[in-house]
């Protein structure tokens, strides 16, 4: 290949890359629920320049099982027949977004050599009817597991709205009291992503 030909090829490749980047930045995120999570899950190494405080560690220690519960709920729904396709897509998107975040947060605890305090690790499925702010009740989880497909879709949306609201409260708390930049970034993204998903789920229930 001549020098001029090589330059033309490189210029073409650069033009394509820039165009692809601009297209990705402009892409609407209505149904791409995992789009906002790619940057923060690209690296599992936390910022070593700032030590996490108790609020950071507590948030991560509580958000891991909270995410795990959301994945469990999504798995329950995905095993059913007769669920509307848009609800299936949402459940798949929630699972795809939150599983990498679980791995990321687990890597932070390992890097910090921190373990959550007793009582933080795990959802106890409180007894608050439609679920507590921190997690679902045993009755809610059992109802979702036993519901037939069409009914399970609406129940999943109702429960996941409450579940997301709990995550947002937790994220807002760590924004007030935490200090680790990676944790604060994740908390900010959780608020943005899950608030958008709440609006989407409410519109699904209203339709």
N, C-alpha and C. Protein backbone atom coordinates (compact mmCIF):
# COMPACT_ATOMS: atom_id res chain seq x y z
N UNK A 1 0.86 -1.19 0.00
CA UNK A 1 0.00 0.00 0.00
C UNK A 1 0.90 1.24 0.00
N UNK A 2 0.61 2.19 -0.85
CA UNK A 2 1.39 3.41 -0.91
C UNK A 2 1.15 4.27 0.32
N UNK A 3 2.03 5.26 0.53
CA UNK A 3 1.87 6.14 1.69
C UNK A 3 0.57 6.90 1.63
N UNK A 4 0.24 7.42 0.43
CA UNK A 4 -1.02 8.16 0.30
C UNK A 4 -2.22 7.26 0.57
N UNK A 5 -2.15 6.03 0.11
CA UNK A 5 -3.25 5.11 0.33
C UNK A 5 -3.41 4.79 1.81
N UNK A 6 -2.26 4.64 2.50
CA UNK A 6 -2.32 4.37 3.93
C UNK A 6 -2.92 5.55 4.67
N UNK A 7 -2.54 6.77 4.26
CA UNK A 7 -3.10 7.95 4.92
C UNK A 7 -4.61 8.03 4.71
N UNK A 8 -5.04 7.72 3.47
CA UNK A 8 -6.48 7.76 3.20
C UNK A 8 -7.22 6.73 4.04
N UNK A 9 -6.62 5.55 4.21
CA UNK A 9 -7.26 4.50 5.00
C UNK A 9 -7.36 4.89 6.47
N UNK A 10 -6.24 5.47 6.98
CA UNK A 10 -6.27 5.90 8.37
C UNK A 10 -7.26 7.03 8.60
N UNK A 11 -7.32 7.97 7.66
CA UNK A 11 -8.28 9.06 7.78
C UNK A 11 -9.70 8.55 7.75
N UNK A 12 -9.96 7.57 6.90
CA UNK A 12 -11.30 7.00 6.84
C UNK A 12 -11.66 6.31 8.13
N UNK A 13 -10.72 5.57 8.70
CA UNK A 13 -10.99 4.88 9.96
C UNK A 13 -11.25 5.86 11.08
N UNK A 14 -10.44 6.97 11.11
CA UNK A 14 -10.64 7.97 12.15
C UNK A 14 -11.99 8.64 12.00
N UNK A 15 -12.38 8.94 10.78
CA UNK A 15 -13.68 9.57 10.55
C UNK A 15 -14.81 8.67 11.02
N UNK A 16 -14.70 7.38 10.74
CA UNK A 16 -15.72 6.42 11.16
C UNK A 16 -15.80 6.36 12.68
N UNK A 17 -14.62 6.34 13.34
CA UNK A 17 -14.62 6.24 14.80
C UNK A 17 -15.25 7.46 15.44
N UNK A 18 -14.92 8.65 14.91
CA UNK A 18 -15.50 9.87 15.45
C UNK A 18 -17.00 9.89 15.24
N UNK A 19 -17.44 9.48 14.06
CA UNK A 19 -18.88 9.45 13.77
C UNK A 19 -19.60 8.48 14.68
N UNK A 20 -18.97 7.33 14.90
CA UNK A 20 -19.60 6.33 15.78
C UNK A 20 -19.72 6.85 17.20
N UNK A 21 -18.68 7.57 17.66
CA UNK A 21 -18.72 8.13 19.00
C UNK A 21 -19.81 9.16 19.13
N UNK A 22 -19.91 10.06 18.14
CA UNK A 22 -20.95 11.07 18.18
C UNK A 22 -22.34 10.45 18.13
N UNK A 23 -22.48 9.40 17.32
CA UNK A 23 -23.78 8.73 17.23
C UNK A 23 -24.15 8.11 18.57
N UNK A 24 -23.17 7.47 19.24
CA UNK A 24 -23.45 6.85 20.53
C UNK A 24 -23.83 7.88 21.57
N UNK A 25 -23.18 9.05 21.52
CA UNK A 25 -23.49 10.09 22.50
C UNK A 25 -24.88 10.64 22.29
N UNK A 26 -25.34 10.65 21.05
CA UNK A 26 -26.64 11.22 20.75
C UNK A 26 -27.76 10.21 20.84
N UNK A 27 -27.44 8.94 21.07
CA UNK A 27 -28.44 7.89 21.06
C UNK A 27 -29.40 8.04 22.22
N UNK A 28 -30.71 8.01 21.99
CA UNK A 28 -31.66 8.09 23.11
C UNK A 28 -31.56 6.86 23.97
N UNK A 29 -31.89 7.04 25.26
CA UNK A 29 -31.72 5.93 26.21
C UNK A 29 -33.04 5.46 26.77
N UNK A 30 -34.15 5.61 26.01
CA UNK A 30 -35.46 5.26 26.54
C UNK A 30 -35.53 3.81 26.99
N UNK A 31 -35.04 2.90 26.14
CA UNK A 31 -35.14 1.49 26.49
C UNK A 31 -33.77 0.86 26.71
N UNK A 32 -32.67 1.62 26.50
CA UNK A 32 -31.35 1.06 26.69
C UNK A 32 -30.94 1.26 28.14
N UNK A 33 -31.47 0.43 29.02
CA UNK A 33 -31.29 0.64 30.44
C UNK A 33 -29.86 0.42 30.90
N UNK A 34 -29.05 -0.32 30.12
CA UNK A 34 -27.68 -0.60 30.55
C UNK A 34 -26.70 0.41 30.01
N UNK A 35 -27.15 1.36 29.19
CA UNK A 35 -26.22 2.27 28.55
C UNK A 35 -25.48 3.12 29.56
N UNK A 36 -26.14 3.54 30.63
CA UNK A 36 -25.51 4.42 31.60
C UNK A 36 -24.54 3.71 32.51
N UNK A 37 -24.40 2.40 32.41
CA UNK A 37 -23.58 1.65 33.34
C UNK A 37 -22.24 1.22 32.76
N UNK A 38 -22.02 1.41 31.45
CA UNK A 38 -20.84 0.84 30.82
C UNK A 38 -19.55 1.47 31.34
N UNK A 39 -19.53 2.79 31.54
CA UNK A 39 -18.30 3.46 31.95
C UNK A 39 -17.85 3.03 33.33
N UNK A 40 -18.78 2.95 34.28
CA UNK A 40 -18.37 2.67 35.63
C UNK A 40 -18.09 1.21 35.86
N UNK A 41 -18.52 0.32 34.97
CA UNK A 41 -18.21 -1.10 35.13
C UNK A 41 -17.01 -1.51 34.30
N UNK A 42 -16.43 -0.56 33.58
CA UNK A 42 -15.30 -0.90 32.71
C UNK A 42 -14.08 -1.26 33.54
N UNK A 43 -13.93 -0.69 34.72
CA UNK A 43 -12.79 -0.98 35.58
C UNK A 43 -13.28 -1.29 36.98
N UNK A 44 -12.69 -2.32 37.58
CA UNK A 44 -13.12 -2.69 38.92
C UNK A 44 -12.26 -2.04 39.99
N UNK A 45 -11.25 -1.27 39.59
CA UNK A 45 -10.34 -0.67 40.57
C UNK A 45 -10.88 0.65 41.07
N UNK A 46 -11.09 0.77 42.39
CA UNK A 46 -11.58 2.03 42.93
C UNK A 46 -10.47 3.07 42.97
N UNK A 47 -10.84 4.32 43.17
CA UNK A 47 -9.90 5.41 43.31
C UNK A 47 -9.14 5.23 44.62
N UNK A 48 -7.84 4.97 44.51
CA UNK A 48 -7.03 4.69 45.70
C UNK A 48 -6.61 5.95 46.43
N UNK A 49 -6.88 7.13 45.86
CA UNK A 49 -6.42 8.37 46.48
C UNK A 49 -7.31 8.82 47.63
N UNK A 50 -8.51 8.26 47.75
CA UNK A 50 -9.44 8.63 48.80
C UNK A 50 -9.87 7.38 49.55
N UNK A 51 -9.75 7.42 50.84
CA UNK A 51 -10.19 6.30 51.66
C UNK A 51 -11.70 6.37 51.86
N UNK A 52 -12.41 5.25 51.73
CA UNK A 52 -13.86 5.26 51.96
C UNK A 52 -14.15 5.47 53.44
N UNK A 53 -15.25 6.13 53.73
CA UNK A 53 -15.67 6.27 55.12
C UNK A 53 -16.76 5.23 55.42
N UNK A 54 -17.30 5.27 56.62
CA UNK A 54 -18.29 4.27 57.01
C UNK A 54 -19.53 4.31 56.13
N UNK A 55 -19.93 5.51 55.72
CA UNK A 55 -21.12 5.64 54.87
C UNK A 55 -20.90 4.97 53.51
N UNK A 56 -19.69 5.11 52.97
CA UNK A 56 -19.37 4.46 51.69
C UNK A 56 -19.46 2.95 51.82
N UNK A 57 -18.82 2.42 52.86
CA UNK A 57 -18.78 0.97 53.05
C UNK A 57 -20.19 0.43 53.31
N UNK A 58 -20.96 1.15 54.12
CA UNK A 58 -22.32 0.70 54.42
C UNK A 58 -23.18 0.70 53.17
N UNK A 59 -23.06 1.75 52.35
CA UNK A 59 -23.84 1.81 51.11
C UNK A 59 -23.52 0.63 50.20
N UNK A 60 -22.25 0.37 50.00
CA UNK A 60 -21.86 -0.74 49.13
C UNK A 60 -22.31 -2.07 49.72
N UNK A 61 -22.13 -2.23 51.04
CA UNK A 61 -22.52 -3.47 51.68
C UNK A 61 -24.02 -3.73 51.62
N UNK A 62 -24.83 -2.67 51.59
CA UNK A 62 -26.28 -2.83 51.50
C UNK A 62 -26.76 -2.90 50.05
N UNK A 63 -26.08 -2.18 49.16
CA UNK A 63 -26.54 -2.15 47.78
C UNK A 63 -26.27 -3.46 47.06
N UNK A 64 -25.24 -4.18 47.46
CA UNK A 64 -24.96 -5.47 46.82
C UNK A 64 -26.16 -6.42 46.97
N UNK A 65 -26.63 -6.71 48.20
CA UNK A 65 -27.79 -7.61 48.31
C UNK A 65 -29.07 -6.98 47.74
N UNK A 66 -29.16 -5.66 47.76
CA UNK A 66 -30.33 -5.01 47.16
C UNK A 66 -30.35 -5.28 45.66
N UNK A 67 -29.21 -5.14 45.00
CA UNK A 67 -29.11 -5.48 43.58
C UNK A 67 -29.37 -6.97 43.35
N UNK A 68 -28.82 -7.80 44.23
CA UNK A 68 -29.02 -9.25 44.08
C UNK A 68 -30.50 -9.60 44.14
N UNK A 69 -31.25 -8.89 44.98
CA UNK A 69 -32.68 -9.14 45.07
C UNK A 69 -33.38 -8.74 43.78
N UNK A 70 -32.97 -7.63 43.18
CA UNK A 70 -33.56 -7.21 41.90
C UNK A 70 -33.28 -8.25 40.82
N UNK A 71 -32.07 -8.80 40.81
CA UNK A 71 -31.74 -9.84 39.84
C UNK A 71 -32.59 -11.08 40.09
N UNK A 72 -32.79 -11.42 41.35
CA UNK A 72 -33.65 -12.57 41.70
C UNK A 72 -35.07 -12.36 41.19
N UNK A 73 -35.59 -11.15 41.36
CA UNK A 73 -36.93 -10.85 40.88
C UNK A 73 -37.00 -10.95 39.35
N UNK A 74 -35.97 -10.44 38.69
CA UNK A 74 -35.93 -10.53 37.22
C UNK A 74 -35.88 -11.98 36.77
N UNK A 75 -35.09 -12.79 37.46
CA UNK A 75 -35.00 -14.21 37.09
C UNK A 75 -36.35 -14.91 37.26
N UNK A 76 -37.06 -14.58 38.33
CA UNK A 76 -38.38 -15.17 38.53
C UNK A 76 -39.29 -14.86 37.34
N UNK A 77 -39.27 -13.62 36.91
CA UNK A 77 -40.15 -13.20 35.83
C UNK A 77 -39.74 -13.87 34.52
N UNK A 78 -38.43 -13.94 34.27
CA UNK A 78 -37.95 -14.47 33.00
C UNK A 78 -38.23 -15.96 32.84
N UNK A 79 -38.53 -16.63 33.93
CA UNK A 79 -38.86 -18.06 33.85
C UNK A 79 -40.32 -18.31 33.46
N UNK A 80 -41.12 -17.26 33.41
CA UNK A 80 -42.56 -17.42 33.19
C UNK A 80 -42.92 -17.26 31.72
N UNK A 81 -44.03 -17.89 31.35
CA UNK A 81 -44.60 -17.74 30.02
C UNK A 81 -45.74 -16.73 30.07
N UNK A 82 -45.99 -16.08 28.95
CA UNK A 82 -47.13 -15.19 28.85
C UNK A 82 -46.91 -13.79 29.35
N UNK A 83 -45.67 -13.43 29.68
CA UNK A 83 -45.36 -12.07 30.13
C UNK A 83 -45.18 -11.18 28.90
N UNK A 84 -45.68 -9.96 28.97
CA UNK A 84 -45.57 -9.05 27.84
C UNK A 84 -44.10 -8.80 27.50
N UNK A 85 -43.83 -8.67 26.21
CA UNK A 85 -42.45 -8.57 25.74
C UNK A 85 -41.72 -7.36 26.31
N UNK A 86 -42.41 -6.23 26.47
CA UNK A 86 -41.73 -5.03 26.98
C UNK A 86 -41.33 -5.21 28.45
N UNK A 87 -42.11 -6.00 29.20
CA UNK A 87 -41.74 -6.26 30.59
C UNK A 87 -40.56 -7.22 30.63
N UNK A 88 -40.55 -8.20 29.74
CA UNK A 88 -39.41 -9.11 29.63
C UNK A 88 -38.14 -8.33 29.30
N UNK A 89 -38.23 -7.41 28.36
CA UNK A 89 -37.07 -6.61 27.97
C UNK A 89 -36.56 -5.78 29.14
N UNK A 90 -37.47 -5.22 29.92
CA UNK A 90 -37.07 -4.43 31.07
C UNK A 90 -36.37 -5.30 32.11
N UNK A 91 -36.94 -6.48 32.39
CA UNK A 91 -36.32 -7.39 33.36
C UNK A 91 -34.91 -7.79 32.91
N UNK A 92 -34.76 -8.06 31.63
CA UNK A 92 -33.44 -8.41 31.10
C UNK A 92 -32.47 -7.24 31.23
N UNK A 93 -32.97 -6.02 30.99
CA UNK A 93 -32.12 -4.83 31.08
C UNK A 93 -31.69 -4.57 32.52
N UNK A 94 -32.61 -4.74 33.46
CA UNK A 94 -32.28 -4.55 34.87
C UNK A 94 -31.22 -5.56 35.30
N UNK A 95 -31.40 -6.80 34.91
CA UNK A 95 -30.43 -7.83 35.26
C UNK A 95 -29.06 -7.54 34.63
N UNK A 96 -29.07 -7.14 33.36
CA UNK A 96 -27.81 -6.87 32.66
C UNK A 96 -27.08 -5.67 33.26
N UNK A 97 -27.83 -4.71 33.79
CA UNK A 97 -27.20 -3.52 34.38
C UNK A 97 -26.69 -3.79 35.78
N UNK A 98 -27.45 -4.53 36.57
CA UNK A 98 -27.13 -4.65 37.99
C UNK A 98 -26.13 -5.76 38.30
N UNK A 99 -26.07 -6.80 37.49
CA UNK A 99 -25.08 -7.85 37.74
C UNK A 99 -23.64 -7.30 37.67
N UNK A 100 -23.29 -6.52 36.65
CA UNK A 100 -21.93 -5.95 36.64
C UNK A 100 -21.69 -4.99 37.81
N UNK A 101 -22.72 -4.28 38.23
CA UNK A 101 -22.55 -3.38 39.37
C UNK A 101 -22.30 -4.16 40.66
N UNK A 102 -22.93 -5.32 40.78
CA UNK A 102 -22.65 -6.18 41.94
C UNK A 102 -21.18 -6.57 41.96
N UNK A 103 -20.67 -7.01 40.81
CA UNK A 103 -19.26 -7.40 40.72
C UNK A 103 -18.34 -6.22 41.03
N UNK A 104 -18.71 -5.04 40.54
CA UNK A 104 -17.91 -3.85 40.79
C UNK A 104 -17.86 -3.53 42.27
N UNK A 105 -19.01 -3.54 42.93
CA UNK A 105 -19.05 -3.21 44.35
C UNK A 105 -18.33 -4.26 45.19
N UNK A 106 -18.46 -5.53 44.80
CA UNK A 106 -17.73 -6.58 45.52
C UNK A 106 -16.23 -6.37 45.40
N UNK A 107 -15.78 -5.92 44.24
CA UNK A 107 -14.35 -5.66 44.06
C UNK A 107 -13.89 -4.49 44.93
N UNK A 108 -14.78 -3.52 45.14
CA UNK A 108 -14.43 -2.40 46.02
C UNK A 108 -14.22 -2.89 47.45
N UNK A 109 -15.14 -3.69 47.95
CA UNK A 109 -15.00 -4.19 49.32
C UNK A 109 -13.71 -5.00 49.47
N UNK A 110 -13.39 -5.78 48.45
CA UNK A 110 -12.16 -6.56 48.50
C UNK A 110 -10.94 -5.64 48.48
N UNK A 111 -10.98 -4.62 47.62
CA UNK A 111 -9.87 -3.68 47.52
C UNK A 111 -9.69 -2.89 48.82
N UNK A 112 -10.82 -2.54 49.43
CA UNK A 112 -10.76 -1.78 50.68
C UNK A 112 -10.48 -2.68 51.89
N UNK A 113 -10.47 -3.99 51.66
CA UNK A 113 -10.34 -4.95 52.76
C UNK A 113 -11.40 -4.70 53.81
N UNK A 114 -12.62 -4.48 53.32
CA UNK A 114 -13.74 -4.14 54.20
C UNK A 114 -14.83 -5.18 54.07
N UNK A 115 -15.46 -5.45 55.17
CA UNK A 115 -16.63 -6.30 55.18
C UNK A 115 -17.77 -5.51 55.78
N UNK A 116 -18.99 -5.65 55.21
CA UNK A 116 -20.12 -4.91 55.78
C UNK A 116 -20.38 -5.35 57.21
N UNK A 117 -20.85 -4.39 58.00
CA UNK A 117 -21.15 -4.69 59.41
C UNK A 117 -22.25 -5.73 59.51
N UNK A 118 -22.30 -6.43 60.63
CA UNK A 118 -23.31 -7.46 60.83
C UNK A 118 -24.71 -6.86 60.67
N UNK A 119 -25.54 -7.57 59.91
CA UNK A 119 -26.89 -7.09 59.69
C UNK A 119 -27.04 -6.31 58.40
N UNK A 120 -25.90 -5.93 57.75
CA UNK A 120 -25.98 -5.18 56.51
C UNK A 120 -26.10 -6.09 55.30
N UNK A 121 -25.49 -7.25 55.37
CA UNK A 121 -25.37 -8.07 54.17
C UNK A 121 -26.54 -9.00 53.98
N UNK A 122 -27.50 -8.59 53.21
CA UNK A 122 -28.60 -9.49 52.90
C UNK A 122 -29.94 -8.87 53.16
N UNK A 123 -30.86 -9.11 52.23
CA UNK A 123 -32.21 -8.62 52.41
C UNK A 123 -32.97 -9.60 53.28
N UNK A 124 -33.63 -9.10 54.31
CA UNK A 124 -34.38 -9.99 55.19
C UNK A 124 -35.85 -10.07 54.78
N UNK A 125 -36.18 -9.46 53.61
CA UNK A 125 -37.56 -9.50 53.12
C UNK A 125 -38.53 -9.12 54.23
N UNK A 126 -38.50 -7.84 54.60
CA UNK A 126 -39.35 -7.34 55.68
C UNK A 126 -40.82 -7.58 55.42
N UNK A 127 -41.66 -7.21 56.37
CA UNK A 127 -43.08 -7.58 56.31
C UNK A 127 -43.95 -6.35 56.05
N UNK A 128 -43.57 -5.52 55.06
CA UNK A 128 -44.25 -4.25 54.87
C UNK A 128 -45.23 -4.27 53.70
N UNK A 129 -45.94 -5.32 53.51
CA UNK A 129 -46.96 -5.34 52.47
C UNK A 129 -46.36 -5.35 51.09
N UNK A 130 -46.32 -4.17 50.43
CA UNK A 130 -45.73 -4.08 49.10
C UNK A 130 -44.23 -3.94 49.14
N UNK A 131 -43.61 -4.26 50.26
CA UNK A 131 -42.17 -4.23 50.35
C UNK A 131 -41.66 -3.05 51.15
N UNK A 132 -40.53 -3.21 51.77
CA UNK A 132 -39.93 -2.13 52.53
C UNK A 132 -39.05 -1.31 51.62
N UNK A 133 -38.54 -0.19 52.13
CA UNK A 133 -37.67 0.65 51.32
C UNK A 133 -36.38 -0.06 51.00
N UNK A 134 -35.95 -0.99 51.84
CA UNK A 134 -34.68 -1.66 51.60
C UNK A 134 -34.83 -2.96 50.83
N UNK A 135 -35.99 -3.57 50.86
CA UNK A 135 -36.16 -4.82 50.14
C UNK A 135 -37.58 -5.31 50.18
N UNK A 136 -37.81 -6.39 49.48
CA UNK A 136 -39.15 -6.96 49.39
C UNK A 136 -39.45 -7.84 50.61
N UNK A 137 -40.74 -8.01 50.89
CA UNK A 137 -41.15 -8.93 51.93
C UNK A 137 -41.16 -10.36 51.37
N UNK A 138 -41.16 -11.32 52.29
CA UNK A 138 -41.25 -12.72 51.87
C UNK A 138 -42.56 -12.95 51.11
N UNK A 139 -43.62 -12.31 51.57
CA UNK A 139 -44.92 -12.46 50.91
C UNK A 139 -44.88 -11.94 49.48
N UNK A 140 -44.21 -10.80 49.28
CA UNK A 140 -44.10 -10.24 47.93
C UNK A 140 -43.32 -11.16 47.01
N UNK A 141 -42.20 -11.67 47.51
CA UNK A 141 -41.37 -12.55 46.67
C UNK A 141 -42.13 -13.83 46.34
N UNK A 142 -42.85 -14.37 47.30
CA UNK A 142 -43.63 -15.58 47.06
C UNK A 142 -44.75 -15.31 46.06
N UNK A 143 -45.40 -14.15 46.20
CA UNK A 143 -46.48 -13.80 45.27
C UNK A 143 -45.95 -13.68 43.85
N UNK A 144 -44.78 -13.09 43.69
CA UNK A 144 -44.19 -12.97 42.35
C UNK A 144 -43.83 -14.33 41.79
N UNK A 145 -43.28 -15.18 42.64
CA UNK A 145 -42.88 -16.52 42.18
C UNK A 145 -44.09 -17.34 41.75
N UNK A 146 -45.22 -17.18 42.43
CA UNK A 146 -46.40 -18.00 42.16
C UNK A 146 -47.33 -17.41 41.12
N UNK A 147 -47.19 -16.14 40.80
CA UNK A 147 -48.12 -15.48 39.88
C UNK A 147 -47.96 -16.02 38.46
N UNK A 148 -49.07 -16.25 37.75
CA UNK A 148 -48.97 -16.63 36.34
C UNK A 148 -48.46 -15.46 35.51
N UNK A 149 -47.96 -15.77 34.31
CA UNK A 149 -47.28 -14.79 33.48
C UNK A 149 -47.92 -13.43 33.36
N UNK A 150 -49.14 -13.31 32.85
CA UNK A 150 -49.74 -11.98 32.67
C UNK A 150 -49.85 -11.19 33.97
N UNK A 151 -50.24 -11.86 35.06
CA UNK A 151 -50.34 -11.18 36.35
C UNK A 151 -48.95 -10.87 36.91
N UNK A 152 -48.01 -11.75 36.66
CA UNK A 152 -46.66 -11.55 37.17
C UNK A 152 -46.02 -10.31 36.57
N UNK A 153 -46.35 -10.00 35.32
CA UNK A 153 -45.77 -8.83 34.69
C UNK A 153 -46.12 -7.56 35.44
N UNK A 154 -47.41 -7.38 35.74
CA UNK A 154 -47.83 -6.18 36.47
C UNK A 154 -47.28 -6.18 37.90
N UNK A 155 -47.27 -7.35 38.54
CA UNK A 155 -46.76 -7.42 39.90
C UNK A 155 -45.27 -7.10 39.93
N UNK A 156 -44.54 -7.59 38.96
CA UNK A 156 -43.11 -7.29 38.86
C UNK A 156 -42.89 -5.79 38.77
N UNK A 157 -43.67 -5.11 37.93
CA UNK A 157 -43.53 -3.66 37.78
C UNK A 157 -43.84 -2.94 39.08
N UNK A 158 -44.91 -3.35 39.75
CA UNK A 158 -45.29 -2.69 41.01
C UNK A 158 -44.21 -2.87 42.07
N UNK A 159 -43.71 -4.10 42.19
CA UNK A 159 -42.68 -4.36 43.20
C UNK A 159 -41.37 -3.69 42.85
N UNK A 160 -41.00 -3.68 41.57
CA UNK A 160 -39.72 -3.10 41.18
C UNK A 160 -39.73 -1.59 41.33
N UNK A 161 -40.89 -0.95 41.18
CA UNK A 161 -40.96 0.49 41.44
C UNK A 161 -40.59 0.77 42.90
N UNK A 162 -41.19 0.02 43.82
CA UNK A 162 -40.88 0.19 45.24
C UNK A 162 -39.42 -0.12 45.51
N UNK A 163 -38.92 -1.17 44.87
CA UNK A 163 -37.53 -1.58 45.06
C UNK A 163 -36.58 -0.48 44.58
N UNK A 164 -36.86 0.08 43.42
CA UNK A 164 -36.03 1.17 42.90
C UNK A 164 -36.11 2.39 43.81
N UNK A 165 -37.28 2.69 44.33
CA UNK A 165 -37.41 3.82 45.24
C UNK A 165 -36.51 3.64 46.46
N UNK A 166 -36.41 2.41 46.95
CA UNK A 166 -35.51 2.13 48.07
C UNK A 166 -34.06 2.37 47.70
N UNK A 167 -33.67 1.96 46.49
CA UNK A 167 -32.29 2.18 46.04
C UNK A 167 -31.98 3.66 45.94
N UNK A 168 -32.95 4.43 45.48
CA UNK A 168 -32.73 5.87 45.35
C UNK A 168 -32.54 6.52 46.72
N UNK A 169 -33.33 6.10 47.71
CA UNK A 169 -33.15 6.61 49.08
C UNK A 169 -31.75 6.29 49.58
N UNK A 170 -31.30 5.06 49.38
CA UNK A 170 -29.96 4.66 49.81
C UNK A 170 -28.90 5.48 49.11
N UNK A 171 -29.08 5.70 47.82
CA UNK A 171 -28.10 6.48 47.05
C UNK A 171 -28.07 7.94 47.50
N UNK A 172 -29.23 8.51 47.77
CA UNK A 172 -29.28 9.89 48.25
C UNK A 172 -28.59 10.02 49.60
N UNK A 173 -28.75 9.02 50.45
CA UNK A 173 -28.11 9.05 51.77
C UNK A 173 -26.59 9.06 51.64
N UNK A 174 -26.04 8.23 50.75
CA UNK A 174 -24.58 8.20 50.65
C UNK A 174 -24.05 9.45 49.96
N UNK A 175 -24.85 10.09 49.12
CA UNK A 175 -24.42 11.37 48.55
C UNK A 175 -24.29 12.43 49.65
N UNK A 176 -25.11 12.31 50.69
CA UNK A 176 -25.03 13.25 51.81
C UNK A 176 -23.85 12.95 52.73
N UNK A 177 -23.57 11.66 52.96
CA UNK A 177 -22.63 11.28 54.01
C UNK A 177 -21.35 10.62 53.51
N UNK A 178 -21.33 10.12 52.28
CA UNK A 178 -20.15 9.44 51.77
C UNK A 178 -19.13 10.43 51.24
N UNK A 179 -17.96 9.89 50.85
CA UNK A 179 -16.91 10.76 50.32
C UNK A 179 -16.11 10.13 49.19
N UNK A 180 -16.21 8.80 49.02
CA UNK A 180 -15.39 8.16 47.99
C UNK A 180 -15.95 8.50 46.61
N UNK A 181 -15.11 9.03 45.71
CA UNK A 181 -15.64 9.49 44.41
C UNK A 181 -16.29 8.40 43.57
N UNK A 182 -15.77 7.19 43.61
CA UNK A 182 -16.37 6.11 42.83
C UNK A 182 -17.75 5.74 43.38
N UNK A 183 -17.87 5.74 44.70
CA UNK A 183 -19.16 5.45 45.31
C UNK A 183 -20.17 6.55 44.99
N UNK A 184 -19.73 7.79 45.10
CA UNK A 184 -20.63 8.90 44.82
C UNK A 184 -21.06 8.90 43.35
N UNK A 185 -20.14 8.52 42.47
CA UNK A 185 -20.48 8.44 41.05
C UNK A 185 -21.52 7.35 40.80
N UNK A 186 -21.31 6.19 41.44
CA UNK A 186 -22.27 5.10 41.28
C UNK A 186 -23.63 5.50 41.85
N UNK A 187 -23.64 6.13 43.01
CA UNK A 187 -24.90 6.55 43.63
C UNK A 187 -25.65 7.54 42.74
N UNK A 188 -24.91 8.47 42.16
CA UNK A 188 -25.53 9.45 41.26
C UNK A 188 -26.14 8.75 40.04
N UNK A 189 -25.41 7.77 39.50
CA UNK A 189 -25.91 7.06 38.33
C UNK A 189 -27.12 6.19 38.68
N UNK A 190 -27.11 5.59 39.86
CA UNK A 190 -28.25 4.78 40.29
C UNK A 190 -29.50 5.64 40.37
N UNK A 191 -29.37 6.83 40.95
CA UNK A 191 -30.52 7.73 41.04
C UNK A 191 -31.05 8.06 39.65
N UNK A 192 -30.15 8.39 38.72
CA UNK A 192 -30.56 8.75 37.37
C UNK A 192 -31.21 7.58 36.64
N UNK A 193 -30.54 6.43 36.66
CA UNK A 193 -31.02 5.26 35.92
C UNK A 193 -32.34 4.75 36.48
N UNK A 194 -32.41 4.63 37.80
CA UNK A 194 -33.59 3.99 38.38
C UNK A 194 -34.78 4.94 38.44
N UNK A 195 -34.54 6.25 38.52
CA UNK A 195 -35.65 7.19 38.40
C UNK A 195 -36.27 7.10 37.01
N UNK A 196 -35.43 6.97 35.98
CA UNK A 196 -35.94 6.82 34.61
C UNK A 196 -36.71 5.52 34.46
N UNK A 197 -36.21 4.45 35.08
CA UNK A 197 -36.90 3.17 35.00
C UNK A 197 -38.23 3.20 35.74
N UNK A 198 -38.29 3.94 36.84
CA UNK A 198 -39.56 4.08 37.56
C UNK A 198 -40.60 4.74 36.67
N UNK A 199 -40.21 5.80 35.99
CA UNK A 199 -41.15 6.48 35.09
C UNK A 199 -41.60 5.55 33.98
N UNK A 200 -40.68 4.75 33.44
CA UNK A 200 -41.02 3.80 32.39
C UNK A 200 -41.99 2.75 32.92
N UNK A 201 -41.73 2.23 34.10
CA UNK A 201 -42.60 1.19 34.66
C UNK A 201 -43.99 1.73 34.98
N UNK A 202 -44.05 2.95 35.47
CA UNK A 202 -45.36 3.56 35.72
C UNK A 202 -46.14 3.73 34.42
N UNK A 203 -45.44 4.12 33.36
CA UNK A 203 -46.14 4.26 32.06
C UNK A 203 -46.61 2.92 31.54
N UNK A 204 -45.86 1.85 31.80
CA UNK A 204 -46.29 0.52 31.40
C UNK A 204 -47.55 0.11 32.15
N UNK A 205 -47.60 0.41 33.44
CA UNK A 205 -48.77 0.05 34.24
C UNK A 205 -50.00 0.86 33.81
N UNK A 206 -49.78 2.08 33.37
CA UNK A 206 -50.90 2.95 32.96
C UNK A 206 -51.43 2.63 31.57
N UNK A 207 -50.61 1.94 30.78
CA UNK A 207 -51.00 1.69 29.39
C UNK A 207 -51.99 0.53 29.27
